[in-house]
Amino acid sequence: MKEYQIRMTQRSGTLLLLLSLLGAVSLLWPFLLHAAGAAPQAHHLDAPFELMVLVPLLLVLCASELARGSFDVRGIAVLGILAACGTALRIPSPGVVGFEPVFFLLVLAGFVYGPSFGFALGGLTLFVSAFFTGGIGPWLPFQMLAAGWVGLCAGLLPMLSSTKKEKWMLAAYTAVACLLFGVVMNLWFWPFGLSGSTSISYVPGAAVSTNIAHFVAFDLTTSLGFDIPRALLNAGLILCVGRPVVVALRRGAKRVRLLPHVDQAHTTT
């Protein structure tokens, strides 16, 4: 059976690199500079500017893919439909430990439609769903970036010769990605969230290695109760319904993509 995998161009790769650098600098600067403040004020000054930069760059990324012919206006429509589906999956999530099934769809769409589409879908889904879940705040640009990275890396996964191996690869990646999403979402507020010199608090002026060790301890002791159920749920969804969803997405890919820009491969059942 002939399948398709979308390539990433140099232009879209450059845009994704710029977006990722923006996110990395925004998250990691407390390890190099002194952070101060309380958790409710974490990134209250820089987050609005990051959101103002991130959303236009996502639109530029979509326009770039449209202009180069990697997908037509129907591809934009598919992006909107999948973002709406992801929003629907997120609506029951607030307050429910680990119940965030949006990641299984994000991983599968990124795997089929490519890293640029996956990044755009992750950012757009979190942005739109924030209006329905009351999730608008300084954490939003970091959620968008983290979800975008999940979709981007899914698009970089290789196509395998066996559908069974491919399913298990996607499930394993999804579990790891869900855990790392939790790490990123801890990192955005952690330097501002704890006071005092405890073994899990941020220590202004301390060595980078010290703060890294404190952050790892914080993540292990406070976050895994949310991250592990999220990872198990989404990996389980991949194992249960991942294959038919991938088949449906690939059929859609052949209709909305221009084939000269697509790598062809063969899989066996």
C-alpha atoms as a PDB file:
ATOM      1  CA  MET A   1       0.000   0.000   0.000  1.00  0.00           C
ATOM      2  CA  LYS A   2       1.446   3.359  -1.011  1.00  0.00           C
ATOM      3  CA  GLU A   3       1.685   5.990   1.713  1.00  0.00           C
ATOM      4  CA  TYR A   4       2.891   9.553   1.855  1.00  0.00           C
ATOM      5  CA  GLN A   5       5.015  11.626   4.194  1.00  0.00           C
ATOM      6  CA  ILE A   6       5.319  15.394   3.933  1.00  0.00           C
ATOM      7  CA  ARG A   7       8.729  16.986   3.646  1.00  0.00           C
ATOM      8  CA  MET A   8       9.857  20.144   5.453  1.00  0.00           C
ATOM      9  CA  THR A   9      11.435  22.879   3.359  1.00  0.00           C
ATOM     10  CA  GLN A  10      14.305  25.116   4.393  1.00  0.00           C
ATOM     11  CA  ARG A  11      11.969  28.097   4.736  1.00  0.00           C
ATOM     12  CA  SER A  12       9.533  26.353   7.041  1.00  0.00           C
ATOM     13  CA  GLY A  13      12.449  24.816   8.932  1.00  0.00           C
ATOM     14  CA  THR A  14      13.882  28.290   9.542  1.00  0.00           C
ATOM     15  CA  LEU A  15      10.548  29.559  10.843  1.00  0.00           C
ATOM     16  CA  LEU A  16      10.203  26.577  13.147  1.00  0.00           C
ATOM     17  CA  LEU A  17      13.744  27.120  14.422  1.00  0.00           C
ATOM     18  CA  LEU A  18      13.000  30.776  15.200  1.00  0.00           C
ATOM     19  CA  LEU A  19       9.814  29.857  17.043  1.00  0.00           C
ATOM     20  CA  SER A  20      11.598  27.148  19.006  1.00  0.00           C
ATOM     21  CA  LEU A  21      14.441  29.492  19.946  1.00  0.00           C
ATOM     22  CA  LEU A  22      11.911  32.041  21.154  1.00  0.00           C
ATOM     23  CA  GLY A  23      10.326  29.417  23.362  1.00  0.00           C
ATOM     24  CA  ALA A  24      13.632  28.060  24.658  1.00  0.00           C
ATOM     25  CA  VAL A  25      14.905  31.513  25.629  1.00  0.00           C
ATOM     26  CA  SER A  26      11.592  32.363  27.316  1.00  0.00           C
ATOM     27  CA  LEU A  27      11.726  29.181  29.384  1.00  0.00           C
ATOM     28  CA  LEU A  28      15.404  28.957  30.239  1.00  0.00           C
ATOM     29  CA  TRP A  29      16.411  32.538  31.042  1.00  0.00           C
ATOM     30  CA  PRO A  30      15.843  32.059  34.827  1.00  0.00           C
ATOM     31  CA  PHE A  31      18.679  29.533  34.840  1.00  0.00           C
ATOM     32  CA  LEU A  32      21.045  32.215  33.589  1.00  0.00           C
ATOM     33  CA  LEU A  33      19.563  35.351  35.178  1.00  0.00           C
ATOM     34  CA  HIS A  34      17.950  35.983  38.539  1.00  0.00           C
ATOM     35  CA  ALA A  35      14.190  35.443  38.565  1.00  0.00           C
ATOM     36  CA  ALA A  36      11.993  37.030  41.179  1.00  0.00           C
ATOM     37  CA  GLY A  37       8.298  37.307  41.877  1.00  0.00           C
ATOM     38  CA  ALA A  38       5.337  35.145  42.804  1.00  0.00           C
ATOM     39  CA  ALA A  39       3.684  32.440  40.734  1.00  0.00           C
ATOM     40  CA  PRO A  40       0.630  34.545  39.752  1.00  0.00           C
ATOM     41  CA  GLN A  41       3.001  37.146  38.284  1.00  0.00           C
ATOM     42  CA  ALA A  42       5.228  34.631  36.472  1.00  0.00           C
ATOM     43  CA  HIS A  43       5.975  35.950  32.987  1.00  0.00           C
ATOM     44  CA  HIS A  44       3.190  38.529  33.363  1.00  0.00           C
ATOM     45  CA  LEU A  45       5.331  41.057  31.504  1.00  0.00           C
ATOM     46  CA  ASP A  46       6.906  39.005  28.729  1.00  0.00           C
ATOM     47  CA  ALA A  47       4.091  36.494  28.039  1.00  0.00           C
ATOM     48  CA  PRO A  48       1.802  38.991  26.213  1.00  0.00           C
ATOM     49  CA  PHE A  49       4.653  39.950  23.897  1.00  0.00           C
ATOM     50  CA  GLU A  50       5.498  36.309  23.264  1.00  0.00           C
ATOM     51  CA  LEU A  51       1.876  35.632  22.367  1.00  0.00           C
ATOM     52  CA  MET A  52       1.847  38.651  20.055  1.00  0.00           C
ATOM     53  CA  VAL A  53       4.903  37.235  18.264  1.00  0.00           C
ATOM     54  CA  LEU A  54       3.897  33.582  18.315  1.00  0.00           C
ATOM     55  CA  VAL A  55       0.442  33.893  16.734  1.00  0.00           C
ATOM     56  CA  PRO A  56       1.608  35.961  13.708  1.00  0.00           C
ATOM     57  CA  LEU A  57       4.535  33.592  13.166  1.00  0.00           C
ATOM     58  CA  LEU A  58       2.145  30.646  13.160  1.00  0.00           C
ATOM     59  CA  LEU A  59       0.125  32.429  10.477  1.00  0.00           C
ATOM     60  CA  VAL A  60       3.318  33.125   8.515  1.00  0.00           C
ATOM     61  CA  LEU A  61       4.214  29.430   8.758  1.00  0.00           C
ATOM     62  CA  CYS A  62       0.812  28.431   7.332  1.00  0.00           C
ATOM     63  CA  ALA A  63       1.098  31.055   4.590  1.00  0.00           C
ATOM     64  CA  SER A  64       4.583  29.815   3.730  1.00  0.00           C
ATOM     65  CA  GLU A  65       3.369  26.223   3.370  1.00  0.00           C
ATOM     66  CA  LEU A  66       0.431  27.398   1.274  1.00  0.00           C
ATOM     67  CA  ALA A  67       2.655  29.497  -0.983  1.00  0.00           C
ATOM     68  CA  ARG A  68       5.133  26.715  -1.678  1.00  0.00           C
ATOM     69  CA  GLY A  69       2.302  24.333  -2.593  1.00  0.00           C
ATOM     70  CA  SER A  70       2.835  21.759   0.127  1.00  0.00           C
ATOM     71  CA  PHE A  71      -0.912  22.007   0.689  1.00  0.00           C
ATOM     72  CA  ASP A  72      -3.741  23.994  -0.835  1.00  0.00           C
ATOM     73  CA  VAL A  73      -6.667  25.781   0.765  1.00  0.00           C
ATOM     74  CA  ARG A  74      -8.168  22.398   1.568  1.00  0.00           C
ATOM     75  CA  GLY A  75      -5.118  21.738   3.706  1.00  0.00           C
ATOM     76  CA  ILE A  76      -5.888  24.938   5.641  1.00  0.00           C
ATOM     77  CA  ALA A  77      -9.431  23.646   6.081  1.00  0.00           C
ATOM     78  CA  VAL A  78      -8.105  20.339   7.440  1.00  0.00           C
ATOM     79  CA  LEU A  79      -5.904  22.274   9.867  1.00  0.00           C
ATOM     80  CA  GLY A  80      -8.957  24.155  11.104  1.00  0.00           C
ATOM     81  CA  ILE A  81     -11.057  20.991  11.409  1.00  0.00           C
ATOM     82  CA  LEU A  82      -8.371  19.147  13.368  1.00  0.00           C
ATOM     83  CA  ALA A  83      -7.858  22.174  15.617  1.00  0.00           C
ATOM     84  CA  ALA A  84     -11.613  22.179  16.285  1.00  0.00           C
ATOM     85  CA  CYS A  85     -11.481  18.460  17.099  1.00  0.00           C
ATOM     86  CA  GLY A  86      -8.554  19.056  19.431  1.00  0.00           C
ATOM     87  CA  THR A  87     -10.480  21.878  21.105  1.00  0.00           C
ATOM     88  CA  ALA A  88     -13.432  19.552  21.663  1.00  0.00           C
ATOM     89  CA  LEU A  89     -11.092  16.999  23.242  1.00  0.00           C
ATOM     90  CA  ARG A  90      -9.692  19.644  25.601  1.00  0.00           C
ATOM     91  CA  ILE A  91     -13.007  21.015  26.860  1.00  0.00           C
ATOM     92  CA  PRO A  92     -13.525  18.246  29.488  1.00  0.00           C
ATOM     93  CA  SER A  93      -9.858  18.409  30.531  1.00  0.00           C
ATOM     94  CA  PRO A  94      -9.703  21.181  33.176  1.00  0.00           C
ATOM     95  CA  GLY A  95      -9.680  19.793  36.698  1.00  0.00           C
ATOM     96  CA  VAL A  96      -9.538  16.153  35.586  1.00  0.00           C
ATOM     97  CA  VAL A  97      -6.228  14.515  36.461  1.00  0.00           C
ATOM     98  CA  GLY A  98      -4.513  13.263  33.322  1.00  0.00           C
ATOM     99  CA  PHE A  99      -7.617  13.494  31.133  1.00  0.00           C
ATOM    100  CA  GLU A 100      -6.119  15.303  28.156  1.00  0.00           C
ATOM    101  CA  PRO A 101      -6.790  13.140  25.084  1.00  0.00           C
ATOM    102  CA  VAL A 102      -5.860  15.902  22.664  1.00  0.00           C
ATOM    103  CA  PHE A 103      -2.267  14.679  22.352  1.00  0.00           C
ATOM    104  CA  PHE A 104      -3.049  11.422  20.558  1.00  0.00           C
ATOM    105  CA  LEU A 105      -4.712  13.371  17.722  1.00  0.00           C
ATOM    106  CA  LEU A 106      -1.898  15.916  17.633  1.00  0.00           C
ATOM    107  CA  VAL A 107       0.758  13.195  17.360  1.00  0.00           C
ATOM    108  CA  LEU A 108      -1.041  11.306  14.595  1.00  0.00           C
ATOM    109  CA  ALA A 109      -1.742  14.455  12.562  1.00  0.00           C
ATOM    110  CA  GLY A 110       1.849  15.634  12.916  1.00  0.00           C
ATOM    111  CA  PHE A 111       3.148  12.211  11.903  1.00  0.00           C
ATOM    112  CA  VAL A 112       1.033  12.127   8.736  1.00  0.00           C
ATOM    113  CA  TYR A 113       1.011  15.777   7.688  1.00  0.00           C
ATOM    114  CA  GLY A 114       4.565  16.669   8.647  1.00  0.00           C
ATOM    115  CA  PRO A 115       6.437  18.807  11.207  1.00  0.00           C
ATOM    116  CA  SER A 116       5.215  22.211   9.977  1.00  0.00           C
ATOM    117  CA  PHE A 117       1.583  21.118  10.075  1.00  0.00           C
ATOM    118  CA  GLY A 118       2.106  19.441  13.453  1.00  0.00           C
ATOM    119  CA  PHE A 119       3.613  22.562  15.005  1.00  0.00           C
ATOM    120  CA  ALA A 120       0.881  24.793  13.598  1.00  0.00           C
ATOM    121  CA  LEU A 121      -1.823  22.379  14.766  1.00  0.00           C
ATOM    122  CA  GLY A 122      -0.430  22.193  18.294  1.00  0.00           C
ATOM    123  CA  GLY A 123      -0.188  25.945  18.683  1.00  0.00           C
ATOM    124  CA  LEU A 124      -3.560  26.636  17.076  1.00  0.00           C
ATOM    125  CA  THR A 125      -5.376  23.964  19.108  1.00  0.00           C
ATOM    126  CA  LEU A 126      -4.122  25.315  22.424  1.00  0.00           C
ATOM    127  CA  PHE A 127      -4.828  28.898  21.362  1.00  0.00           C
ATOM    128  CA  VAL A 128      -8.418  28.239  20.277  1.00  0.00           C
ATOM    129  CA  SER A 129      -9.247  25.904  23.151  1.00  0.00           C
ATOM    130  CA  ALA A 130      -8.082  28.517  25.665  1.00  0.00           C
ATOM    131  CA  PHE A 131     -11.126  30.624  24.781  1.00  0.00           C
ATOM    132  CA  PHE A 132     -13.467  27.731  25.606  1.00  0.00           C
ATOM    133  CA  THR A 133     -11.744  26.457  28.747  1.00  0.00           C
ATOM    134  CA  GLY A 134     -10.928  29.793  30.363  1.00  0.00           C
ATOM    135  CA  GLY A 135      -7.265  29.045  29.890  1.00  0.00           C
ATOM    136  CA  ILE A 136      -6.100  32.481  28.789  1.00  0.00           C
ATOM    137  CA  GLY A 137      -3.181  33.637  30.893  1.00  0.00           C
ATOM    138  CA  PRO A 138       0.609  34.014  30.899  1.00  0.00           C
ATOM    139  CA  TRP A 139       0.914  30.240  30.564  1.00  0.00           C
ATOM    140  CA  LEU A 140      -0.826  30.174  27.160  1.00  0.00           C
ATOM    141  CA  PRO A 141       2.166  30.926  24.876  1.00  0.00           C
ATOM    142  CA  PHE A 142       4.158  28.221  26.650  1.00  0.00           C
ATOM    143  CA  GLN A 143       1.311  25.732  26.214  1.00  0.00           C
ATOM    144  CA  MET A 144       1.185  26.626  22.519  1.00  0.00           C
ATOM    145  CA  LEU A 145       4.921  26.156  22.108  1.00  0.00           C
ATOM    146  CA  ALA A 146       4.996  22.881  24.044  1.00  0.00           C
ATOM    147  CA  ALA A 147       2.087  21.429  22.056  1.00  0.00           C
ATOM    148  CA  GLY A 148       3.701  22.694  18.857  1.00  0.00           C
ATOM    149  CA  TRP A 149       6.904  20.865  19.715  1.00  0.00           C
ATOM    150  CA  VAL A 150       4.910  17.664  20.287  1.00  0.00           C
ATOM    151  CA  GLY A 151       3.402  17.919  16.792  1.00  0.00           C
ATOM    152  CA  LEU A 152       6.684  18.985  15.199  1.00  0.00           C
ATOM    153  CA  CYS A 153       8.681  16.051  16.570  1.00  0.00           C
ATOM    154  CA  ALA A 154       5.898  13.657  15.601  1.00  0.00           C
ATOM    155  CA  GLY A 155       6.349  14.841  12.015  1.00  0.00           C
ATOM    156  CA  LEU A 156      10.038  13.943  12.187  1.00  0.00           C
ATOM    157  CA  LEU A 157       9.380  10.312  13.140  1.00  0.00           C
ATOM    158  CA  PRO A 158      10.277   7.776  10.425  1.00  0.00           C
ATOM    159  CA  MET A 159       7.756   5.691   8.547  1.00  0.00           C
ATOM    160  CA  LEU A 160       8.288   2.014   9.334  1.00  0.00           C
ATOM    161  CA  SER A 161       7.819  -1.018   7.136  1.00  0.00           C
ATOM    162  CA  SER A 162       5.448  -2.656   9.619  1.00  0.00           C
ATOM    163  CA  THR A 163       2.205  -1.066  10.775  1.00  0.00           C
ATOM    164  CA  LYS A 164       2.506  -2.875  14.109  1.00  0.00           C
ATOM    165  CA  LYS A 165       5.965  -1.424  14.729  1.00  0.00           C
ATOM    166  CA  GLU A 166       4.729   1.971  13.617  1.00  0.00           C
ATOM    167  CA  LYS A 167       1.839   1.809  16.094  1.00  0.00           C
ATOM    168  CA  TRP A 168       4.119   0.962  18.996  1.00  0.00           C
ATOM    169  CA  MET A 169       6.601   3.645  17.959  1.00  0.00           C
ATOM    170  CA  LEU A 170       3.838   6.268  17.954  1.00  0.00           C
ATOM    171  CA  ALA A 171       2.515   5.048  21.316  1.00  0.00           C
ATOM    172  CA  ALA A 172       5.980   5.196  22.895  1.00  0.00           C
ATOM    173  CA  TYR A 173       6.623   8.649  21.448  1.00  0.00           C
ATOM    174  CA  THR A 174       3.238   9.880  22.681  1.00  0.00           C
ATOM    175  CA  ALA A 175       3.928   8.696  26.220  1.00  0.00           C
ATOM    176  CA  VAL A 176       7.322  10.424  26.297  1.00  0.00           C
ATOM    177  CA  ALA A 177       5.922  13.594  24.682  1.00  0.00           C
ATOM    178  CA  CYS A 178       3.144  13.812  27.277  1.00  0.00           C
ATOM    179  CA  LEU A 179       5.685  13.554  30.079  1.00  0.00           C
ATOM    180  CA  LEU A 180       7.897  16.223  28.504  1.00  0.00           C
ATOM    181  CA  PHE A 181       4.885  18.493  27.988  1.00  0.00           C
ATOM    182  CA  GLY A 182       4.437  18.385  31.748  1.00  0.00           C
ATOM    183  CA  VAL A 183       8.104  19.253  32.228  1.00  0.00           C
ATOM    184  CA  VAL A 184       7.777  22.343  30.026  1.00  0.00           C
ATOM    185  CA  MET A 185       4.605  23.461  31.765  1.00  0.00           C
ATOM    186  CA  ASN A 186       6.357  23.136  35.129  1.00  0.00           C
ATOM    187  CA  LEU A 187       9.355  25.052  33.883  1.00  0.00           C
ATOM    188  CA  TRP A 188       7.415  28.164  32.860  1.00  0.00           C
ATOM    189  CA  PHE A 189       6.343  28.985  36.448  1.00  0.00           C
ATOM    190  CA  TRP A 190       8.732  27.026  38.688  1.00  0.00           C
ATOM    191  CA  PRO A 191      11.319  29.810  39.256  1.00  0.00           C
ATOM    192  CA  PHE A 192       8.509  32.048  40.529  1.00  0.00           C
ATOM    193  CA  GLY A 193       6.353  29.513  42.347  1.00  0.00           C
ATOM    194  CA  LEU A 194       8.356  28.519  45.427  1.00  0.00           C
ATOM    195  CA  SER A 195      10.104  30.607  48.014  1.00  0.00           C
ATOM    196  CA  GLY A 196      12.913  29.666  50.322  1.00  0.00           C
ATOM    197  CA  SER A 197      15.932  27.448  49.863  1.00  0.00           C
ATOM    198  CA  THR A 198      14.277  24.043  49.815  1.00  0.00           C
ATOM    199  CA  SER A 199      15.490  21.072  47.833  1.00  0.00           C
ATOM    200  CA  ILE A 200      12.871  21.706  45.137  1.00  0.00           C
ATOM    201  CA  SER A 201      12.838  25.518  44.932  1.00  0.00           C
ATOM    202  CA  TYR A 202      14.574  27.845  42.537  1.00  0.00           C
ATOM    203  CA  VAL A 203      17.627  29.478  44.108  1.00  0.00           C
ATOM    204  CA  PRO A 204      18.497  32.875  42.577  1.00  0.00           C
ATOM    205  CA  GLY A 205      22.187  33.163  41.845  1.00  0.00           C
ATOM    206  CA  ALA A 206      22.900  29.474  42.407  1.00  0.00           C
ATOM    207  CA  ALA A 207      24.838  27.371  39.912  1.00  0.00           C
ATOM    208  CA  VAL A 208      22.921  26.138  36.885  1.00  0.00           C
ATOM    209  CA  SER A 209      23.540  22.540  37.951  1.00  0.00           C
ATOM    210  CA  THR A 210      21.987  23.253  41.364  1.00  0.00           C
ATOM    211  CA  ASN A 211      18.817  24.725  39.895  1.00  0.00           C
ATOM    212  CA  ILE A 212      18.546  21.882  37.389  1.00  0.00           C
ATOM    213  CA  ALA A 213      18.752  19.353  40.232  1.00  0.00           C
ATOM    214  CA  HIS A 214      16.106  21.273  42.192  1.00  0.00           C
ATOM    215  CA  PHE A 215      13.838  21.439  39.175  1.00  0.00           C
ATOM    216  CA  VAL A 216      14.125  17.695  38.516  1.00  0.00           C
ATOM    217  CA  ALA A 217      13.232  17.040  42.153  1.00  0.00           C
ATOM    218  CA  PHE A 218      10.269  19.415  41.880  1.00  0.00           C
ATOM    219  CA  ASP A 219       9.006  17.756  38.708  1.00  0.00           C
ATOM    220  CA  LEU A 220       9.298  14.239  40.121  1.00  0.00           C
ATOM    221  CA  THR A 221       7.563  15.061  43.392  1.00  0.00           C
ATOM    222  CA  THR A 222       4.740  17.339  42.196  1.00  0.00           C
ATOM    223  CA  SER A 223       3.903  16.645  38.552  1.00  0.00           C
ATOM    224  CA  LEU A 224       4.004  12.935  37.824  1.00  0.00           C
ATOM    225  CA  GLY A 225       0.538  12.424  39.266  1.00  0.00           C
ATOM    226  CA  PHE A 226      -0.778  14.417  36.314  1.00  0.00           C
ATOM    227  CA  ASP A 227       1.810  13.527  33.689  1.00  0.00           C
ATOM    228  CA  ILE A 228       1.704   9.732  33.973  1.00  0.00           C
ATOM    229  CA  PRO A 229      -2.100   9.428  33.557  1.00  0.00           C
ATOM    230  CA  ARG A 230      -1.880  11.785  30.571  1.00  0.00           C
ATOM    231  CA  ALA A 231       0.864   9.668  29.028  1.00  0.00           C
ATOM    232  CA  LEU A 232      -0.978   6.382  29.636  1.00  0.00           C
ATOM    233  CA  LEU A 233      -4.286   7.696  28.299  1.00  0.00           C
ATOM    234  CA  ASN A 234      -2.882   9.071  25.053  1.00  0.00           C
ATOM    235  CA  ALA A 235      -0.548   6.123  24.439  1.00  0.00           C
ATOM    236  CA  GLY A 236      -3.495   3.793  25.038  1.00  0.00           C
ATOM    237  CA  LEU A 237      -5.602   5.717  22.524  1.00  0.00           C
ATOM    238  CA  ILE A 238      -2.803   5.348  19.966  1.00  0.00           C
ATOM    239  CA  LEU A 239      -2.748   1.578  20.506  1.00  0.00           C
ATOM    240  CA  CYS A 240      -6.548   1.243  20.361  1.00  0.00           C
ATOM    241  CA  VAL A 241      -7.599   3.596  17.560  1.00  0.00           C
ATOM    242  CA  GLY A 242      -4.339   4.949  16.158  1.00  0.00           C
ATOM    243  CA  ARG A 243      -4.215   2.809  13.025  1.00  0.00           C
ATOM    244  CA  PRO A 244      -7.664   3.706  11.608  1.00  0.00           C
ATOM    245  CA  VAL A 245      -7.065   7.379  12.396  1.00  0.00           C
ATOM    246  CA  VAL A 246      -3.714   7.289  10.569  1.00  0.00           C
ATOM    247  CA  VAL A 247      -5.355   5.620   7.552  1.00  0.00           C
ATOM    248  CA  ALA A 248      -8.063   8.303   7.460  1.00  0.00           C
ATOM    249  CA  LEU A 249      -5.513  11.103   7.769  1.00  0.00           C
ATOM    250  CA  ARG A 250      -3.348   9.635   5.009  1.00  0.00           C
ATOM    251  CA  ARG A 251      -6.314   9.414   2.687  1.00  0.00           C
ATOM    252  CA  GLY A 252      -6.997  13.049   3.410  1.00  0.00           C
ATOM    253  CA  ALA A 253      -3.326  13.902   2.855  1.00  0.00           C
ATOM    254  CA  LYS A 254      -3.436  12.569  -0.704  1.00  0.00           C
ATOM    255  CA  ARG A 255      -6.388  14.831  -1.438  1.00  0.00           C
ATOM    256  CA  VAL A 256      -5.145  18.090   0.070  1.00  0.00           C
ATOM    257  CA  ARG A 257      -1.407  17.877  -0.715  1.00  0.00           C
ATOM    258  CA  LEU A 258       0.352  18.423  -4.004  1.00  0.00           C
ATOM    259  CA  LEU A 259       2.172  15.173  -4.680  1.00  0.00           C
ATOM    260  CA  PRO A 260       5.405  16.637  -6.158  1.00  0.00           C
ATOM    261  CA  HIS A 261       6.192  17.914  -2.650  1.00  0.00           C
ATOM    262  CA  VAL A 262       5.534  14.591  -0.966  1.00  0.00           C
ATOM    263  CA  ASP A 263       7.862  11.695  -0.195  1.00  0.00           C
ATOM    264  CA  GLN A 264       6.370   8.330  -1.139  1.00  0.00           C
ATOM    265  CA  ALA A 265       6.992   5.155   0.836  1.00  0.00           C
ATOM    266  CA  HIS A 266       5.503   1.708   1.128  1.00  0.00           C
ATOM    267  CA  THR A 267       4.183  -0.021   4.210  1.00  0.00           C
ATOM    268  CA  THR A 268       3.096  -3.580   4.697  1.00  0.00           C
ATOM    269  CA  THR A 269       0.280  -4.741   6.894  1.00  0.00           C
END
